[in-house]
Amino acid sequence: MASARATKIDRLAGLAVRSPDDQDPDGAGPDSGLSLAASAWRRLRRNPVFIVGAVVIGLFLILAVLAPLIAPHDPGLRLLEDQVSRARNEIPPAQPGHPMGGDQFGRDFFSRMLLGSQQTLMVAVLATVIGLGGGLVLGTLAGAFGGWVDTLVMRIVDVMLSIPSLLLAVSIGALFSQQTQFTVILAVAIVQIPIFARLLRGTMLGVRESDHVLAARALGVKGRSIVFRHILPNSLGPVIVQSTLVLAIAILDAAALSFLGLGAADDATPEWGQMLGNAQDFFDSQPHLAIWPAACIVVVALGFTLVGESMREALDPRQRR
């Protein structure tokens, strides 16, 4: 009788192991013993949108990592400068050793596109990491303490969110006397902080009233332990998914800043947004100088967006079918 009672309790708790013939609500077979992450991964593997986005991101990462090894020439050397004609607005065409020709300064365009992927990835990742770190600090303060701390933090966040993100990034970038790659990263990162802070704060407020947190309080667990061992770890899932989406936004914002002339002044180290900005004077006669970096920015941003949206749907219980 004791065994039957234990089995009934396990079944009511959703922990009983099903037979192979049982089907879960998703119609994916027996997965009652799977964690949320494992169950989400099962759905992601069958999602063509996620697969397309993952392939795009994977190719982008491989290209960025191997770019210094693949690039045939130094992106800063003006190897084809003698073929540049400013008077006739001509640049070096495709030729042996230079499959995409040269740019307006006679530098190998193919090498600059390859090395530009590395710089674009670095700017997006660092900006997202810095923004995520700042958002975690503010969101944890607001969600853990509440009261006047929550009010103060959220009013600061509201002010930042009331300004369009690109306008805020441009304003921050314009404050620096010398434009560098770091100023672009910092400007984009600051714009992302309120997004992470508000999301983490809202998630923590929901987790703070959950049963296991109330039980920990009833047992006399210290407040700091409750925050860092129970509330915060269970609130990071949506934030991690959001960071994937923010990567796409960071790539677009960084490209916009570089296009507006707020990127690094030295273009010896290429970056796709910077290349796009430098090509605007030659768009009528040499449109490929702008089309290639613009297309790469759009495709990579789309890849991160597809993966982020797929992860959000897979981890959201309301999206299960």
Protein backbone atom coordinates (compact mmCIF):
# COMPACT_ATOMS: atom_id res chain seq x y z
CA MET A 1 0.00 0.00 0.00
CA ALA A 2 2.86 2.34 0.76
CA SER A 3 4.31 1.73 -2.71
CA ALA A 4 0.95 2.47 -4.37
CA ARG A 5 0.61 5.68 -2.36
CA ALA A 6 4.13 6.81 -3.38
CA THR A 7 3.37 6.10 -7.03
CA LYS A 8 0.17 8.15 -6.82
CA ILE A 9 2.01 11.07 -5.25
CA ASP A 10 4.68 10.93 -7.95
CA ARG A 11 2.02 10.88 -10.65
CA LEU A 12 0.26 13.87 -9.18
CA ALA A 13 3.58 15.73 -9.05
CA GLY A 14 4.24 14.96 -12.69
CA LEU A 15 7.31 12.92 -11.89
CA ALA A 16 6.10 9.43 -12.66
CA VAL A 17 7.85 7.72 -15.53
CA ARG A 18 5.52 7.02 -18.45
CA SER A 19 5.48 3.94 -20.56
CA PRO A 20 6.94 4.21 -24.07
CA ASP A 21 3.41 4.26 -25.50
CA ASP A 22 2.45 7.39 -23.56
CA GLN A 23 2.60 10.72 -25.36
CA ASP A 24 3.45 14.11 -23.89
CA PRO A 25 1.37 17.24 -24.59
CA ASP A 26 3.77 18.15 -27.36
CA GLY A 27 3.18 14.87 -29.11
CA ALA A 28 6.92 14.23 -28.98
CA GLY A 29 6.88 11.00 -26.97
CA PRO A 30 7.83 10.31 -23.37
CA ASP A 31 9.64 13.34 -21.99
CA SER A 32 8.11 13.69 -18.55
CA GLY A 33 11.53 13.13 -17.02
CA LEU A 34 13.20 15.80 -19.14
CA SER A 35 14.23 19.16 -17.76
CA LEU A 36 12.91 22.40 -19.26
CA ALA A 37 16.15 22.90 -21.21
CA ALA A 38 16.11 19.35 -22.59
CA SER A 39 12.45 19.62 -23.56
CA ALA A 40 13.12 22.96 -25.26
CA TRP A 41 16.05 21.48 -27.17
CA ARG A 42 13.83 18.69 -28.49
CA ARG A 43 11.47 21.28 -29.96
CA LEU A 44 14.31 23.42 -31.30
CA ARG A 45 15.78 20.50 -33.22
CA ARG A 46 12.51 20.18 -35.14
CA ASN A 47 12.14 23.91 -35.78
CA PRO A 48 13.34 24.85 -39.30
CA VAL A 49 13.52 28.54 -38.31
CA PHE A 50 16.00 27.73 -35.55
CA ILE A 51 18.04 25.51 -37.87
CA VAL A 52 18.35 28.25 -40.50
CA GLY A 53 19.38 30.82 -37.90
CA ALA A 54 21.86 28.43 -36.28
CA VAL A 55 23.47 27.67 -39.65
CA VAL A 56 23.85 31.39 -40.38
CA ILE A 57 25.38 32.06 -36.97
CA GLY A 58 27.65 29.04 -37.22
CA LEU A 59 29.00 30.12 -40.60
CA PHE A 60 29.49 33.66 -39.31
CA LEU A 61 31.42 32.45 -36.25
CA ILE A 62 33.63 30.15 -38.31
CA LEU A 63 34.33 32.94 -40.78
CA ALA A 64 35.14 35.43 -38.01
CA VAL A 65 37.48 33.03 -36.19
CA LEU A 66 39.32 31.89 -39.32
CA ALA A 67 39.35 35.30 -41.03
CA PRO A 68 43.04 36.07 -40.29
CA LEU A 69 44.01 32.71 -41.78
CA ILE A 70 41.73 32.90 -44.82
CA ALA A 71 42.35 36.54 -45.79
CA PRO A 72 44.88 36.53 -48.65
CA HIS A 73 46.20 40.05 -48.02
CA ASP A 74 46.68 42.62 -45.29
CA PRO A 75 43.44 44.65 -45.25
CA GLY A 76 45.34 47.88 -44.68
CA LEU A 77 47.82 47.63 -47.56
CA ARG A 78 47.03 49.62 -50.71
CA LEU A 79 48.19 46.93 -53.11
CA LEU A 80 46.08 48.15 -56.04
CA GLU A 81 46.44 51.89 -55.51
CA ASP A 82 47.90 52.38 -59.00
CA GLN A 83 44.56 51.19 -60.48
CA VAL A 84 42.49 53.76 -58.62
CA SER A 85 41.31 56.77 -60.61
CA ARG A 86 39.63 59.43 -58.50
CA ALA A 87 38.96 61.62 -61.53
CA ARG A 88 36.97 58.92 -63.32
CA ASN A 89 35.69 57.37 -60.09
CA GLU A 90 37.21 53.99 -60.95
CA ILE A 91 38.43 51.31 -58.59
CA PRO A 92 40.34 48.05 -59.25
CA PRO A 93 38.06 45.34 -60.72
CA ALA A 94 38.14 41.65 -59.84
CA GLN A 95 41.40 40.05 -60.97
CA PRO A 96 43.65 37.09 -60.13
CA GLY A 97 44.62 37.24 -56.47
CA HIS A 98 41.86 39.75 -55.75
CA PRO A 99 38.50 37.99 -56.34
CA MET A 100 36.41 41.00 -55.32
CA GLY A 101 38.74 43.68 -56.61
CA GLY A 102 39.79 46.63 -54.50
CA ASP A 103 38.14 49.50 -52.67
CA GLN A 104 38.43 53.24 -53.24
CA PHE A 105 41.96 53.21 -51.77
CA GLY A 106 43.22 50.17 -53.65
CA ARG A 107 42.98 47.76 -50.69
CA ASP A 108 41.89 44.18 -51.27
CA PHE A 109 38.11 44.17 -50.77
CA PHE A 110 37.82 40.43 -50.15
CA SER A 111 40.34 40.56 -47.29
CA ARG A 112 38.55 43.54 -45.77
CA MET A 113 35.21 41.74 -45.87
CA LEU A 114 36.72 38.72 -44.10
CA LEU A 115 38.45 40.75 -41.39
CA GLY A 116 35.36 42.94 -41.06
CA SER A 117 33.37 39.92 -39.84
CA GLN A 118 35.77 39.52 -36.93
CA GLN A 119 35.50 43.16 -35.88
CA THR A 120 31.71 43.10 -36.22
CA LEU A 121 31.49 40.00 -34.02
CA MET A 122 33.80 41.53 -31.42
CA VAL A 123 31.78 44.76 -31.23
CA ALA A 124 28.46 42.91 -30.95
CA VAL A 125 29.63 40.41 -28.32
CA LEU A 126 31.44 42.92 -26.11
CA ALA A 127 28.56 45.40 -26.28
CA THR A 128 26.08 42.67 -25.36
CA VAL A 129 28.24 41.37 -22.50
CA ILE A 130 28.71 44.85 -21.03
CA GLY A 131 25.03 45.65 -21.42
CA LEU A 132 24.08 42.31 -19.89
CA GLY A 133 26.38 42.90 -16.92
CA GLY A 134 24.95 46.36 -16.25
CA GLY A 135 21.40 45.09 -16.67
CA LEU A 136 22.03 42.22 -14.24
CA VAL A 137 23.25 44.63 -11.58
CA LEU A 138 20.32 47.04 -11.92
CA GLY A 139 17.73 44.30 -12.38
CA THR A 140 18.98 42.37 -9.36
CA LEU A 141 18.89 45.47 -7.17
CA ALA A 142 15.35 46.32 -8.24
CA GLY A 143 14.00 42.78 -8.11
CA ALA A 144 15.67 41.72 -4.88
CA PHE A 145 15.19 44.76 -2.65
CA GLY A 146 12.02 46.38 -3.97
CA GLY A 147 10.76 49.51 -2.24
CA TRP A 148 12.59 52.76 -2.89
CA VAL A 149 15.50 50.93 -4.53
CA ASP A 150 13.13 49.43 -7.10
CA THR A 151 11.47 52.80 -7.68
CA LEU A 152 14.78 54.63 -8.17
CA VAL A 153 16.24 52.05 -10.53
CA MET A 154 13.08 51.75 -12.60
CA ARG A 155 12.74 55.50 -13.00
CA ILE A 156 16.28 55.64 -14.38
CA VAL A 157 15.46 52.75 -16.69
CA ASP A 158 12.24 54.45 -17.82
CA VAL A 159 14.13 57.62 -18.73
CA MET A 160 16.63 55.63 -20.81
CA LEU A 161 13.88 53.64 -22.52
CA SER A 162 11.96 56.81 -23.37
CA ILE A 163 14.77 57.84 -25.75
CA PRO A 164 15.02 55.95 -29.07
CA SER A 165 17.90 53.50 -28.83
CA LEU A 166 19.79 54.74 -31.89
CA LEU A 167 19.39 58.38 -30.85
CA LEU A 168 20.69 57.56 -27.38
CA ALA A 169 23.64 55.62 -28.84
CA VAL A 170 24.50 58.52 -31.16
CA SER A 171 24.30 60.99 -28.26
CA ILE A 172 26.60 58.85 -26.12
CA GLY A 173 29.06 58.31 -28.96
CA ALA A 174 29.17 62.03 -29.70
CA LEU A 175 30.28 62.78 -26.12
CA PHE A 176 33.74 61.33 -26.75
CA SER A 177 36.34 63.65 -28.21
CA GLN A 178 38.06 60.81 -30.10
CA GLN A 179 36.07 58.12 -31.84
CA THR A 180 37.40 54.58 -31.42
CA GLN A 181 36.05 51.06 -31.56
CA PHE A 182 35.68 51.15 -27.78
CA THR A 183 33.41 54.20 -27.92
CA VAL A 184 31.11 52.32 -30.30
CA ILE A 185 31.03 49.30 -27.98
CA LEU A 186 30.32 51.48 -24.93
CA ALA A 187 27.59 53.48 -26.66
CA VAL A 188 25.79 50.34 -27.86
CA ALA A 189 26.22 48.62 -24.46
CA ILE A 190 24.69 51.48 -22.47
CA VAL A 191 21.64 51.42 -24.73
CA GLN A 192 21.10 47.71 -23.94
CA ILE A 193 21.36 48.03 -20.13
CA PRO A 194 17.73 49.13 -19.46
CA ILE A 195 16.38 46.29 -21.64
CA PHE A 196 18.10 43.64 -19.55
CA ALA A 197 17.38 45.44 -16.27
CA ARG A 198 13.62 45.66 -16.83
CA LEU A 199 13.37 42.07 -18.07
CA LEU A 200 15.34 40.63 -15.14
CA ARG A 201 13.45 42.73 -12.62
CA GLY A 202 10.08 41.55 -13.91
CA THR A 203 11.16 37.91 -13.93
CA MET A 204 12.58 38.17 -10.40
CA LEU A 205 9.35 39.68 -9.09
CA GLY A 206 7.47 36.67 -10.44
CA VAL A 207 9.94 34.14 -9.05
CA ARG A 208 10.02 35.92 -5.68
CA GLU A 209 6.44 34.84 -5.00
CA SER A 210 6.92 31.21 -6.08
CA ASP A 211 6.40 28.34 -3.67
CA HIS A 212 10.03 27.32 -3.28
CA VAL A 213 11.06 30.89 -2.38
CA LEU A 214 8.25 31.16 0.16
CA ALA A 215 9.34 27.81 1.62
CA ALA A 216 12.94 29.03 1.91
CA ARG A 217 11.77 32.12 3.77
CA ALA A 218 9.65 30.00 6.10
CA LEU A 219 12.70 27.87 6.88
CA GLY A 220 14.67 30.97 7.87
CA VAL A 221 17.08 31.08 4.94
CA LYS A 222 18.96 34.38 4.77
CA GLY A 223 17.77 36.94 2.26
CA ARG A 224 21.06 37.03 0.36
CA SER A 225 21.04 33.26 -0.09
CA ILE A 226 17.44 33.36 -1.28
CA VAL A 227 18.29 35.98 -3.92
CA PHE A 228 21.47 34.38 -5.28
CA ARG A 229 20.56 30.70 -4.86
CA HIS A 230 16.83 30.64 -5.57
CA ILE A 231 15.54 33.81 -7.25
CA LEU A 232 18.37 34.93 -9.55
CA PRO A 233 19.30 31.53 -11.07
CA ASN A 234 15.64 30.84 -11.89
CA SER A 235 15.26 34.28 -13.52
CA LEU A 236 18.16 34.15 -15.97
CA GLY A 237 16.46 32.06 -18.67
CA PRO A 238 14.53 34.90 -20.37
CA VAL A 239 17.55 37.20 -20.01
CA ILE A 240 19.84 34.74 -21.79
CA VAL A 241 17.32 34.38 -24.61
CA GLN A 242 17.03 38.17 -24.84
CA SER A 243 20.81 38.47 -25.13
CA THR A 244 20.62 36.50 -28.38
CA LEU A 245 18.13 39.01 -29.78
CA VAL A 246 20.20 41.92 -28.47
CA LEU A 247 23.22 40.63 -30.39
CA ALA A 248 21.33 41.31 -33.60
CA ILE A 249 20.38 44.80 -32.41
CA ALA A 250 23.97 45.48 -31.35
CA ILE A 251 25.24 44.60 -34.83
CA LEU A 252 22.75 46.99 -36.44
CA ASP A 253 23.40 49.81 -33.93
CA ALA A 254 27.17 49.49 -34.27
CA ALA A 255 26.86 49.56 -38.04
CA ALA A 256 24.65 52.64 -37.83
CA LEU A 257 27.15 54.47 -35.61
CA SER A 258 30.02 53.64 -37.94
CA PHE A 259 27.91 54.70 -40.93
CA LEU A 260 27.25 58.06 -39.26
CA GLY A 261 30.97 58.62 -38.71
CA LEU A 262 31.01 57.79 -34.99
CA GLY A 263 33.09 54.64 -35.43
CA ALA A 264 36.84 54.21 -35.29
CA ALA A 265 38.67 56.96 -37.17
CA ASP A 266 41.34 54.53 -38.40
CA ASP A 267 39.87 52.27 -41.06
CA ALA A 268 43.00 50.14 -41.46
CA THR A 269 41.14 47.54 -39.38
CA PRO A 270 37.85 47.08 -41.27
CA GLU A 271 34.38 46.73 -39.81
CA TRP A 272 31.25 46.17 -41.90
CA GLY A 273 29.42 49.27 -40.70
CA GLN A 274 32.50 51.38 -41.23
CA MET A 275 32.94 49.94 -44.75
CA LEU A 276 29.32 50.76 -45.49
CA GLY A 277 29.81 54.34 -44.38
CA ASN A 278 32.99 54.78 -46.43
CA ALA A 279 31.23 53.49 -49.55
CA GLN A 280 28.37 55.99 -49.57
CA ASP A 281 30.27 58.44 -51.79
CA PHE A 282 30.80 55.71 -54.40
CA PHE A 283 27.36 54.12 -54.36
CA ASP A 284 26.33 55.48 -57.77
CA SER A 285 29.35 54.13 -59.62
CA GLN A 286 30.51 51.25 -57.37
CA PRO A 287 27.40 49.98 -55.54
CA HIS A 288 29.01 46.65 -54.59
CA LEU A 289 31.21 48.44 -52.05
CA ALA A 290 28.04 49.11 -50.03
CA ILE A 291 25.91 46.12 -51.03
CA TRP A 292 28.27 43.44 -49.74
CA PRO A 293 28.76 44.77 -46.18
CA ALA A 294 25.08 45.76 -45.94
CA ALA A 295 23.95 42.29 -47.03
CA CYS A 296 26.29 40.62 -44.52
CA ILE A 297 24.98 42.81 -41.70
CA VAL A 298 21.35 42.02 -42.57
CA VAL A 299 21.93 38.26 -42.90
CA VAL A 300 23.88 37.91 -39.65
CA ALA A 301 21.39 40.05 -37.72
CA LEU A 302 18.57 37.94 -39.15
CA GLY A 303 20.34 34.76 -38.04
CA PHE A 304 20.59 35.92 -34.43
CA THR A 305 16.97 37.10 -34.52
CA LEU A 306 15.72 33.72 -35.79
CA VAL A 307 17.63 31.84 -33.10
CA GLY A 308 16.50 34.19 -30.35
CA GLU A 309 12.83 34.04 -31.32
CA SER A 310 12.97 30.25 -31.61
CA MET A 311 14.55 29.94 -28.16
CA ARG A 312 11.97 32.27 -26.66
CA GLU A 313 9.11 30.21 -28.06
CA ALA A 314 10.71 26.91 -27.03
CA LEU A 315 11.21 28.05 -23.43
CA ASP A 316 7.77 29.63 -23.12
CA PRO A 317 5.25 27.08 -21.73
CA ARG A 318 2.40 29.00 -23.38
CA GLN A 319 3.92 28.28 -26.81
CA ARG A 320 3.87 24.52 -26.38
CA ARG A 321 1.54 22.51 -28.57
